Amino acid sequence: MRWRPEHGGATVLVVAMAGVLLAVTGGLAAVGGLVTAQRRAQAAADLAALAAATTPSGGACAEAARTASANDAALVGCRVAGQEVTVVVAVPGPAVPWRTVRVTAEARAGPG
């Protein structure tokens, strides 16, 4: 067998390419998780705002909190201005080992 200076070079290249592929796949999974969480948060905010807008103003924020909770979200803000209700909800984002991710969304509902 002849010795060649490139001997084993393909192995290093394949390992490097596998590492890059793994990193890209992980990044895409994280972005997909964030997009999904944002959609869930926006849906929960929209429903909470609509529920609050159809409730008498004294119980609008309590109804928004109940609706958000029923959609696995937490109400973090609620403001009633006349017949218009603005709510902010938060949902847990994708699981990452180094921090807790919360995704928030805001929605407004009222006449007109």
Protein backbone atom coordinates (compact mmCIF):
# COMPACT_ATOMS: atom_id res chain seq x y z
CA MET A 1 0.00 0.00 0.00
CA ARG A 2 1.33 3.40 -0.97
CA TRP A 3 1.25 6.25 1.48
CA ARG A 4 -0.64 9.31 0.26
CA PRO A 5 -0.68 12.69 1.99
CA GLU A 6 -4.51 12.82 1.75
CA HIS A 7 -4.94 9.57 3.68
CA GLY A 8 -7.83 10.07 6.18
CA GLY A 9 -8.79 13.46 4.78
CA ALA A 10 -12.21 12.24 3.68
CA THR A 11 -13.05 11.09 7.21
CA VAL A 12 -12.35 14.54 8.62
CA LEU A 13 -14.42 16.13 5.86
CA VAL A 14 -17.38 13.80 6.49
CA VAL A 15 -17.26 14.44 10.25
CA ALA A 16 -17.14 18.21 9.65
CA MET A 17 -20.06 18.05 7.22
CA ALA A 18 -22.08 15.96 9.69
CA GLY A 19 -21.42 18.56 12.40
CA VAL A 20 -22.58 21.39 10.14
CA LEU A 21 -25.68 19.42 9.15
CA LEU A 22 -26.48 18.76 12.81
CA ALA A 23 -26.08 22.46 13.70
CA VAL A 24 -28.30 23.58 10.81
CA THR A 25 -30.96 21.01 11.72
CA GLY A 26 -30.94 22.18 15.34
CA GLY A 27 -31.27 25.80 14.27
CA LEU A 28 -34.18 25.03 11.98
CA ALA A 29 -35.92 23.08 14.74
CA ALA A 30 -35.52 26.02 17.13
CA VAL A 31 -36.90 28.50 14.59
CA GLY A 32 -39.82 26.17 13.87
CA GLY A 33 -40.56 25.93 17.58
CA LEU A 34 -40.55 29.71 17.93
CA VAL A 35 -42.87 30.16 14.96
CA THR A 36 -45.28 27.57 16.37
CA ALA A 37 -45.22 29.23 19.80
CA GLN A 38 -45.88 32.65 18.24
CA ARG A 39 -48.89 31.29 16.36
CA ARG A 40 -50.26 29.69 19.55
CA ALA A 41 -49.74 32.94 21.46
CA GLN A 42 -51.47 35.02 18.80
CA ALA A 43 -54.44 32.64 18.62
CA ALA A 44 -54.81 32.71 22.41
CA ALA A 45 -54.56 36.52 22.45
CA ASP A 46 -57.17 36.88 19.71
CA LEU A 47 -59.61 34.58 21.49
CA ALA A 48 -59.03 36.26 24.86
CA ALA A 49 -59.61 39.71 23.38
CA LEU A 50 -62.82 38.61 21.68
CA ALA A 51 -64.09 36.95 24.85
CA ALA A 52 -63.29 40.06 26.88
CA ALA A 53 -64.94 42.37 24.35
CA THR A 54 -68.23 40.49 24.62
CA THR A 55 -68.22 40.63 28.43
CA PRO A 56 -69.38 43.62 30.49
CA SER A 57 -66.40 45.84 31.27
CA GLY A 58 -66.32 44.92 34.96
CA GLY A 59 -65.41 41.32 34.18
CA ALA A 60 -63.64 41.72 30.85
CA CYS A 61 -60.12 41.08 32.13
CA ALA A 62 -61.24 38.12 34.23
CA GLU A 63 -62.89 36.59 31.16
CA ALA A 64 -59.73 37.25 29.13
CA ALA A 65 -57.67 35.46 31.78
CA ARG A 66 -60.04 32.47 31.76
CA THR A 67 -59.96 32.24 27.98
CA ALA A 68 -56.17 32.57 27.83
CA SER A 69 -55.80 29.87 30.47
CA ALA A 70 -58.12 27.56 28.52
CA ASN A 71 -55.73 27.98 25.59
CA ASP A 72 -52.60 27.17 27.66
CA ALA A 73 -51.53 30.81 27.81
CA ALA A 74 -51.07 33.29 30.64
CA LEU A 75 -52.64 36.75 30.59
CA VAL A 76 -49.85 39.27 31.23
CA GLY A 77 -51.73 42.46 30.38
CA CYS A 78 -55.30 43.66 29.97
CA ARG A 79 -56.59 47.15 29.30
CA VAL A 80 -60.19 48.22 28.83
CA ALA A 81 -60.79 51.58 27.18
CA GLY A 82 -64.47 52.17 26.60
CA GLN A 83 -65.70 49.27 24.49
CA GLU A 84 -62.22 48.34 23.29
CA VAL A 85 -60.15 45.65 25.03
CA THR A 86 -56.43 45.07 24.55
CA VAL A 87 -54.83 41.93 25.95
CA VAL A 88 -51.29 40.56 26.06
CA VAL A 89 -50.73 36.85 26.61
CA ALA A 90 -47.63 34.68 26.95
CA VAL A 91 -47.01 31.04 26.11
CA PRO A 92 -43.94 28.92 26.79
CA GLY A 93 -41.57 28.76 23.86
CA PRO A 94 -39.48 25.82 22.72
CA ALA A 95 -37.40 24.08 25.36
CA VAL A 96 -33.78 25.19 25.37
CA PRO A 97 -31.39 24.04 28.09
CA TRP A 98 -29.82 27.41 28.92
CA ARG A 99 -32.90 29.63 29.39
CA THR A 100 -36.66 29.83 29.66
CA VAL A 101 -38.31 31.17 26.53
CA ARG A 102 -41.68 32.95 26.68
CA VAL A 103 -43.44 34.18 23.58
CA THR A 104 -45.95 37.02 23.90
CA ALA A 105 -48.68 38.32 21.62
CA GLU A 106 -51.08 41.25 21.77
CA ALA A 107 -54.62 41.51 20.44
CA ARG A 108 -57.29 44.18 20.44
CA ALA A 109 -61.04 43.75 20.06
CA GLY A 110 -64.00 46.05 20.14
CA PRO A 111 -66.69 47.51 17.93
CA GLY A 112 -65.78 48.86 14.53
